[in-house]
Amino acid sequence: MKELRVSRNTEIAKYQRKQRAVRTQKDKEMGKNYQLQYHFGISLSQYTELLEQQKYRCAICEKPHGEDTHAGNRRKGLGVDHCHVTKAIRGLLCGNCNRALGYLQDSPQLLRKAADYLERAAVYKGRAKVEADTLLEELVSN
């Protein structure tokens, strides 16, 4: 889609590249603040507070903030995880953990079934059963 858009509107694409190149840190923060307000109803300072509470790590796997990569080389921060029904913010997650919860339909029952499956498979694959037990206990306790 991007290639099609660029090929159709080369002048617009050039203008957008130029604008992105001259964006200041303040411009980036304003954009992030707007996106957080629009999508989740929180400010950039509230997002930063969540980061500090979680010690700048994913709430599930504890991957450090900014270690996810996007499009091959761009660093990506932790994403805001929220309940799609109540819109309540649950925490900040790395991309993999956030997608995993989404793929499991935010269902604790499916997550438990997945953990049980991994534990059964661990016997045959030689994987560490302790990891699955620890992860399940952490998720259930939260």
N, C-alpha and C. Protein backbone atom coordinates (compact mmCIF):
# COMPACT_ATOMS: atom_id res chain seq x y z
N MET A 1 0.81 -1.19 0.00
CA MET A 1 0.00 0.00 0.00
C MET A 1 0.86 1.26 0.00
N LYS A 2 1.92 1.22 0.81
CA LYS A 2 2.78 2.39 0.87
C LYS A 2 3.42 2.66 -0.48
N GLU A 3 3.89 1.61 -1.14
CA GLU A 3 4.51 1.78 -2.46
C GLU A 3 3.52 2.37 -3.45
N LEU A 4 2.29 1.90 -3.40
CA LEU A 4 1.25 2.41 -4.29
C LEU A 4 0.99 3.88 -4.01
N ARG A 5 0.88 4.21 -2.71
CA ARG A 5 0.61 5.60 -2.32
C ARG A 5 1.75 6.51 -2.76
N VAL A 6 2.98 6.06 -2.56
CA VAL A 6 4.14 6.86 -2.93
C VAL A 6 4.21 7.04 -4.44
N SER A 7 3.95 5.97 -5.16
CA SER A 7 4.03 6.08 -6.63
C SER A 7 2.95 7.02 -7.17
N ARG A 8 1.81 7.07 -6.51
CA ARG A 8 0.73 7.95 -6.97
C ARG A 8 0.96 9.40 -6.55
N ASN A 9 1.59 9.58 -5.41
CA ASN A 9 1.74 10.93 -4.86
C ASN A 9 3.19 11.19 -4.47
N THR A 10 4.05 11.27 -5.43
CA THR A 10 5.47 11.45 -5.12
C THR A 10 5.76 12.77 -4.41
N GLU A 11 5.02 13.81 -4.77
CA GLU A 11 5.24 15.10 -4.12
C GLU A 11 4.84 15.03 -2.64
N ILE A 12 3.73 14.38 -2.36
CA ILE A 12 3.27 14.24 -0.98
C ILE A 12 4.28 13.40 -0.20
N ALA A 13 4.76 12.33 -0.78
CA ALA A 13 5.74 11.46 -0.12
C ALA A 13 7.02 12.22 0.19
N LYS A 14 7.49 13.02 -0.75
CA LYS A 14 8.69 13.83 -0.52
C LYS A 14 8.47 14.80 0.63
N TYR A 15 7.31 15.46 0.63
CA TYR A 15 6.99 16.40 1.69
C TYR A 15 6.95 15.70 3.05
N GLN A 16 6.33 14.52 3.13
CA GLN A 16 6.24 13.80 4.39
C GLN A 16 7.61 13.35 4.88
N ARG A 17 8.47 12.89 3.99
CA ARG A 17 9.84 12.51 4.38
C ARG A 17 10.58 13.72 4.94
N LYS A 18 10.42 14.87 4.28
CA LYS A 18 11.08 16.09 4.73
C LYS A 18 10.58 16.48 6.12
N GLN A 19 9.27 16.39 6.33
CA GLN A 19 8.69 16.75 7.63
C GLN A 19 9.18 15.82 8.73
N ARG A 20 9.24 14.52 8.45
CA ARG A 20 9.72 13.56 9.45
C ARG A 20 11.18 13.82 9.81
N ALA A 21 11.96 14.25 8.84
CA ALA A 21 13.39 14.48 9.07
C ALA A 21 13.63 15.66 10.00
N VAL A 22 12.74 16.63 10.02
CA VAL A 22 12.97 17.83 10.83
C VAL A 22 12.16 17.84 12.13
N ARG A 23 11.50 16.72 12.45
CA ARG A 23 10.72 16.65 13.69
C ARG A 23 11.63 16.74 14.90
N THR A 24 11.26 17.55 15.85
CA THR A 24 12.02 17.67 17.09
C THR A 24 11.52 16.63 18.09
N GLN A 25 12.25 16.49 19.18
CA GLN A 25 11.83 15.57 20.24
C GLN A 25 10.48 16.01 20.80
N LYS A 26 10.27 17.32 20.91
CA LYS A 26 9.00 17.82 21.43
C LYS A 26 7.85 17.45 20.49
N ASP A 27 8.10 17.54 19.19
CA ASP A 27 7.08 17.14 18.21
C ASP A 27 6.73 15.66 18.37
N LYS A 28 7.74 14.83 18.57
CA LYS A 28 7.51 13.40 18.74
C LYS A 28 6.71 13.13 20.01
N GLU A 29 7.05 13.83 21.09
CA GLU A 29 6.32 13.65 22.35
C GLU A 29 4.87 14.10 22.22
N MET A 30 4.65 15.20 21.50
CA MET A 30 3.28 15.67 21.29
C MET A 30 2.48 14.65 20.49
N GLY A 31 3.10 14.04 19.49
CA GLY A 31 2.44 13.02 18.69
C GLY A 31 2.11 11.79 19.52
N LYS A 32 3.06 11.35 20.35
CA LYS A 32 2.85 10.19 21.22
C LYS A 32 1.73 10.49 22.22
N ASN A 33 1.74 11.69 22.79
CA ASN A 33 0.71 12.09 23.74
C ASN A 33 -0.67 12.06 23.08
N TYR A 34 -0.75 12.57 21.87
CA TYR A 34 -2.02 12.59 21.14
C TYR A 34 -2.52 11.16 20.90
N GLN A 35 -1.62 10.28 20.44
CA GLN A 35 -2.01 8.89 20.17
C GLN A 35 -2.48 8.18 21.43
N LEU A 36 -1.78 8.38 22.54
CA LEU A 36 -2.17 7.75 23.80
C LEU A 36 -3.54 8.27 24.26
N GLN A 37 -3.75 9.58 24.14
CA GLN A 37 -5.05 10.16 24.52
C GLN A 37 -6.16 9.61 23.63
N TYR A 38 -5.92 9.57 22.34
CA TYR A 38 -6.93 9.16 21.37
C TYR A 38 -7.32 7.70 21.53
N HIS A 39 -6.31 6.82 21.66
CA HIS A 39 -6.57 5.39 21.70
C HIS A 39 -6.91 4.85 23.08
N PHE A 40 -6.28 5.40 24.13
CA PHE A 40 -6.41 4.79 25.46
C PHE A 40 -6.89 5.74 26.54
N GLY A 41 -6.98 7.03 26.24
CA GLY A 41 -7.45 7.99 27.24
C GLY A 41 -6.45 8.29 28.33
N ILE A 42 -5.15 8.08 28.04
CA ILE A 42 -4.12 8.41 29.03
C ILE A 42 -3.13 9.38 28.40
N SER A 43 -2.43 10.11 29.25
CA SER A 43 -1.44 11.07 28.76
C SER A 43 -0.06 10.41 28.70
N LEU A 44 0.86 11.11 28.09
CA LEU A 44 2.23 10.62 28.02
C LEU A 44 2.83 10.50 29.42
N SER A 45 2.50 11.42 30.32
CA SER A 45 3.02 11.34 31.69
C SER A 45 2.45 10.12 32.42
N GLN A 46 1.19 9.76 32.15
CA GLN A 46 0.62 8.56 32.77
C GLN A 46 1.29 7.30 32.21
N TYR A 47 1.58 7.31 30.92
CA TYR A 47 2.31 6.20 30.29
C TYR A 47 3.68 6.06 30.95
N THR A 48 4.36 7.18 31.15
CA THR A 48 5.68 7.17 31.78
C THR A 48 5.60 6.64 33.20
N GLU A 49 4.53 7.01 33.93
CA GLU A 49 4.34 6.48 35.29
C GLU A 49 4.20 4.96 35.27
N LEU A 50 3.43 4.45 34.30
CA LEU A 50 3.29 2.99 34.17
C LEU A 50 4.64 2.34 33.89
N LEU A 51 5.42 2.97 33.00
CA LEU A 51 6.76 2.45 32.71
C LEU A 51 7.60 2.36 33.98
N GLU A 52 7.56 3.41 34.78
CA GLU A 52 8.35 3.44 36.01
C GLU A 52 7.86 2.37 36.99
N GLN A 53 6.53 2.22 37.13
CA GLN A 53 5.99 1.20 38.02
C GLN A 53 6.42 -0.20 37.61
N GLN A 54 6.53 -0.43 36.31
CA GLN A 54 6.93 -1.74 35.79
C GLN A 54 8.44 -1.85 35.61
N LYS A 55 9.18 -0.87 36.09
CA LYS A 55 10.64 -0.84 35.99
C LYS A 55 11.10 -0.94 34.54
N TYR A 56 10.37 -0.30 33.64
CA TYR A 56 10.70 -0.24 32.21
C TYR A 56 10.81 -1.63 31.59
N ARG A 57 9.93 -2.54 32.02
CA ARG A 57 9.93 -3.91 31.52
C ARG A 57 8.51 -4.38 31.22
N CYS A 58 8.39 -5.30 30.29
CA CYS A 58 7.11 -5.91 29.95
C CYS A 58 6.52 -6.54 31.21
N ALA A 59 5.22 -6.38 31.42
CA ALA A 59 4.55 -6.90 32.62
C ALA A 59 4.53 -8.43 32.65
N ILE A 60 4.73 -9.09 31.51
CA ILE A 60 4.69 -10.55 31.47
C ILE A 60 6.09 -11.15 31.38
N CYS A 61 6.80 -10.86 30.31
CA CYS A 61 8.10 -11.53 30.07
C CYS A 61 9.29 -10.71 30.58
N GLU A 62 9.05 -9.49 30.98
CA GLU A 62 10.07 -8.58 31.52
C GLU A 62 11.12 -8.15 30.50
N LYS A 63 10.76 -8.20 29.21
CA LYS A 63 11.66 -7.67 28.18
C LYS A 63 11.79 -6.16 28.40
N PRO A 64 12.99 -5.61 28.35
CA PRO A 64 13.17 -4.18 28.59
C PRO A 64 12.46 -3.31 27.54
N HIS A 65 11.99 -2.17 27.98
CA HIS A 65 11.34 -1.18 27.12
C HIS A 65 12.32 -0.78 26.01
N GLY A 66 11.84 -0.77 24.78
CA GLY A 66 12.65 -0.35 23.66
C GLY A 66 13.45 -1.46 23.00
N GLU A 67 13.28 -2.71 23.44
CA GLU A 67 14.02 -3.81 22.82
C GLU A 67 13.28 -4.45 21.66
N ASP A 68 11.97 -4.20 21.56
CA ASP A 68 11.24 -4.70 20.39
C ASP A 68 11.70 -3.93 19.17
N THR A 69 11.74 -4.58 18.04
CA THR A 69 12.06 -3.88 16.81
C THR A 69 10.86 -3.94 15.88
N HIS A 70 10.72 -2.91 15.08
CA HIS A 70 9.62 -2.80 14.13
C HIS A 70 10.22 -2.50 12.76
N ALA A 71 9.72 -3.15 11.77
CA ALA A 71 10.19 -2.93 10.39
C ALA A 71 11.69 -3.16 10.28
N GLY A 72 12.18 -4.14 11.04
CA GLY A 72 13.57 -4.53 10.90
C GLY A 72 14.57 -3.79 11.75
N ASN A 73 14.46 -2.46 11.84
CA ASN A 73 15.52 -1.74 12.55
C ASN A 73 15.02 -0.68 13.53
N ARG A 74 13.76 -0.26 13.43
CA ARG A 74 13.25 0.77 14.34
C ARG A 74 12.92 0.16 15.70
N ARG A 75 13.38 0.80 16.75
CA ARG A 75 13.09 0.34 18.11
C ARG A 75 11.65 0.74 18.48
N LYS A 76 11.01 -0.14 19.22
CA LYS A 76 9.62 0.10 19.59
C LYS A 76 9.47 -0.08 21.09
N GLY A 77 8.77 0.84 21.74
CA GLY A 77 8.55 0.76 23.18
C GLY A 77 7.44 -0.22 23.52
N LEU A 78 7.17 -0.33 24.81
CA LEU A 78 6.11 -1.21 25.28
C LEU A 78 4.75 -0.65 24.90
N GLY A 79 3.84 -1.53 24.52
CA GLY A 79 2.50 -1.12 24.12
C GLY A 79 1.54 -1.15 25.30
N VAL A 80 0.49 -0.35 25.20
CA VAL A 80 -0.53 -0.28 26.24
C VAL A 80 -1.49 -1.45 26.06
N ASP A 81 -1.59 -2.30 27.07
CA ASP A 81 -2.54 -3.42 27.05
C ASP A 81 -3.79 -2.97 27.77
N HIS A 82 -4.94 -3.25 27.15
CA HIS A 82 -6.21 -2.84 27.76
C HIS A 82 -7.28 -3.88 27.49
N CYS A 83 -8.30 -3.86 28.33
CA CYS A 83 -9.46 -4.73 28.15
C CYS A 83 -10.31 -4.13 27.04
N HIS A 84 -10.64 -4.92 26.05
CA HIS A 84 -11.41 -4.41 24.91
C HIS A 84 -12.88 -4.19 25.27
N VAL A 85 -13.34 -4.78 26.37
CA VAL A 85 -14.73 -4.61 26.79
C VAL A 85 -14.87 -3.37 27.66
N THR A 86 -14.05 -3.29 28.73
CA THR A 86 -14.17 -2.18 29.68
C THR A 86 -13.27 -1.00 29.34
N LYS A 87 -12.31 -1.20 28.45
CA LYS A 87 -11.31 -0.19 28.06
C LYS A 87 -10.33 0.12 29.19
N ALA A 88 -10.34 -0.67 30.27
CA ALA A 88 -9.43 -0.44 31.40
C ALA A 88 -8.00 -0.83 31.00
N ILE A 89 -7.05 0.00 31.40
CA ILE A 89 -5.63 -0.25 31.13
C ILE A 89 -5.16 -1.33 32.10
N ARG A 90 -4.52 -2.39 31.55
CA ARG A 90 -4.02 -3.47 32.39
C ARG A 90 -2.53 -3.35 32.64
N GLY A 91 -1.80 -2.74 31.74
CA GLY A 91 -0.36 -2.63 31.89
C GLY A 91 0.30 -2.38 30.56
N LEU A 92 1.63 -2.48 30.55
CA LEU A 92 2.42 -2.29 29.33
C LEU A 92 3.09 -3.60 28.97
N LEU A 93 2.96 -3.98 27.70
CA LEU A 93 3.48 -5.26 27.24
C LEU A 93 4.34 -5.09 26.00
N CYS A 94 5.28 -6.02 25.81
CA CYS A 94 6.03 -6.07 24.56
C CYS A 94 5.08 -6.57 23.47
N GLY A 95 5.48 -6.44 22.25
CA GLY A 95 4.63 -6.84 21.13
C GLY A 95 4.25 -8.31 21.16
N ASN A 96 5.20 -9.18 21.48
CA ASN A 96 4.91 -10.61 21.50
C ASN A 96 3.88 -10.98 22.56
N CYS A 97 4.04 -10.46 23.76
CA CYS A 97 3.09 -10.78 24.84
C CYS A 97 1.71 -10.19 24.54
N ASN A 98 1.68 -8.98 24.00
CA ASN A 98 0.41 -8.34 23.67
C ASN A 98 -0.32 -9.14 22.59
N ARG A 99 0.41 -9.57 21.57
CA ARG A 99 -0.21 -10.38 20.51
C ARG A 99 -0.67 -11.72 21.05
N ALA A 100 0.14 -12.34 21.94
CA ALA A 100 -0.22 -13.64 22.50
C ALA A 100 -1.56 -13.56 23.23
N LEU A 101 -1.74 -12.52 24.04
CA LEU A 101 -3.01 -12.35 24.74
C LEU A 101 -4.15 -12.16 23.75
N GLY A 102 -3.89 -11.39 22.71
CA GLY A 102 -4.91 -11.16 21.70
C GLY A 102 -5.27 -12.43 20.96
N TYR A 103 -4.26 -13.22 20.58
CA TYR A 103 -4.51 -14.47 19.88
C TYR A 103 -5.27 -15.46 20.75
N LEU A 104 -5.05 -15.37 22.06
CA LEU A 104 -5.77 -16.24 23.00
C LEU A 104 -7.06 -15.58 23.48
N GLN A 105 -7.49 -14.54 22.78
CA GLN A 105 -8.77 -13.87 23.00
C GLN A 105 -8.93 -13.34 24.43
N ASP A 106 -7.82 -12.93 25.05
CA ASP A 106 -7.82 -12.42 26.42
C ASP A 106 -8.49 -13.38 27.39
N SER A 107 -8.39 -14.67 27.10
CA SER A 107 -9.08 -15.69 27.90
C SER A 107 -8.11 -16.40 28.84
N PRO A 108 -8.31 -16.26 30.16
CA PRO A 108 -7.46 -17.00 31.11
C PRO A 108 -7.58 -18.51 30.91
N GLN A 109 -8.78 -18.98 30.52
CA GLN A 109 -8.98 -20.41 30.31
C GLN A 109 -8.12 -20.91 29.14
N LEU A 110 -8.11 -20.17 28.04
CA LEU A 110 -7.27 -20.57 26.90
C LEU A 110 -5.80 -20.50 27.25
N LEU A 111 -5.42 -19.50 28.04
CA LEU A 111 -4.02 -19.38 28.45
C LEU A 111 -3.61 -20.57 29.31
N ARG A 112 -4.49 -20.98 30.24
CA ARG A 112 -4.19 -22.15 31.06
C ARG A 112 -4.09 -23.41 30.21
N LYS A 113 -4.99 -23.54 29.23
CA LYS A 113 -4.93 -24.69 28.33
C LYS A 113 -3.63 -24.70 27.54
N ALA A 114 -3.21 -23.51 27.09
CA ALA A 114 -1.96 -23.41 26.34
C ALA A 114 -0.78 -23.80 27.23
N ALA A 115 -0.79 -23.34 28.50
CA ALA A 115 0.29 -23.70 29.42
C ALA A 115 0.28 -25.20 29.69
N ASP A 116 -0.90 -25.79 29.86
CA ASP A 116 -0.99 -27.24 30.06
C ASP A 116 -0.43 -27.98 28.85
N TYR A 117 -0.78 -27.50 27.67
CA TYR A 117 -0.29 -28.11 26.44
C TYR A 117 1.24 -28.06 26.39
N LEU A 118 1.80 -26.89 26.71
CA LEU A 118 3.27 -26.76 26.69
C LEU A 118 3.92 -27.67 27.71
N GLU A 119 3.30 -27.81 28.88
CA GLU A 119 3.86 -28.70 29.89
C GLU A 119 3.84 -30.15 29.42
N ARG A 120 2.74 -30.58 28.79
CA ARG A 120 2.67 -31.94 28.26
C ARG A 120 3.72 -32.13 27.17
N ALA A 121 3.86 -31.13 26.31
CA ALA A 121 4.83 -31.21 25.22
C ALA A 121 6.26 -31.15 25.73
N ALA A 122 6.47 -30.54 26.90
CA ALA A 122 7.82 -30.40 27.45
C ALA A 122 8.44 -31.75 27.73
N VAL A 123 7.61 -32.73 28.10
CA VAL A 123 8.12 -34.06 28.39
C VAL A 123 8.79 -34.64 27.14
N TYR A 124 8.20 -34.36 25.99
CA TYR A 124 8.73 -34.92 24.75
C TYR A 124 9.80 -34.05 24.12
N LYS A 125 9.75 -32.78 24.38
CA LYS A 125 10.69 -31.86 23.74
C LYS A 125 11.87 -31.50 24.63
N GLY A 126 11.82 -31.89 25.90
CA GLY A 126 12.91 -31.57 26.81
C GLY A 126 12.94 -30.11 27.22
N ARG A 127 11.80 -29.41 27.09
CA ARG A 127 11.74 -27.99 27.45
C ARG A 127 11.57 -27.85 28.96
N ALA A 128 11.91 -26.70 29.48
CA ALA A 128 11.85 -26.47 30.92
C ALA A 128 10.41 -26.28 31.38
N LYS A 129 9.92 -27.22 32.17
CA LYS A 129 8.57 -27.15 32.72
C LYS A 129 8.46 -26.01 33.73
N VAL A 130 9.54 -25.70 34.38
CA VAL A 130 9.55 -24.66 35.40
C VAL A 130 9.13 -23.31 34.81
N GLU A 131 9.58 -23.00 33.59
CA GLU A 131 9.23 -21.73 32.95
C GLU A 131 7.73 -21.60 32.80
N ALA A 132 7.06 -22.64 32.33
CA ALA A 132 5.61 -22.59 32.13
C ALA A 132 4.90 -22.43 33.47
N ASP A 133 5.35 -23.15 34.51
CA ASP A 133 4.73 -23.03 35.83
C ASP A 133 4.87 -21.61 36.37
N THR A 134 6.08 -21.05 36.25
CA THR A 134 6.33 -19.70 36.76
C THR A 134 5.50 -18.67 36.02
N LEU A 135 5.45 -18.75 34.71
CA LEU A 135 4.68 -17.81 33.92
C LEU A 135 3.21 -17.90 34.26
N LEU A 136 2.68 -19.11 34.38
CA LEU A 136 1.26 -19.29 34.69
C LEU A 136 0.95 -18.71 36.06
N GLU A 137 1.80 -18.96 37.05
CA GLU A 137 1.57 -18.44 38.40
C GLU A 137 1.57 -16.91 38.40
N GLU A 138 2.50 -16.30 37.66
CA GLU A 138 2.55 -14.84 37.59
C GLU A 138 1.30 -14.27 36.94
N LEU A 139 0.86 -14.89 35.85
CA LEU A 139 -0.31 -14.38 35.15
C LEU A 139 -1.57 -14.57 35.98
N VAL A 140 -1.71 -15.67 36.66
CA VAL A 140 -2.90 -15.93 37.47
C VAL A 140 -2.93 -14.99 38.67
N SER A 141 -1.76 -14.72 39.26
CA SER A 141 -1.71 -13.85 40.44
C SER A 141 -1.99 -12.40 40.10
N ASN A 142 -1.76 -12.01 38.84
CA ASN A 142 -2.03 -10.62 38.43
C ASN A 142 -3.48 -10.54 38.07
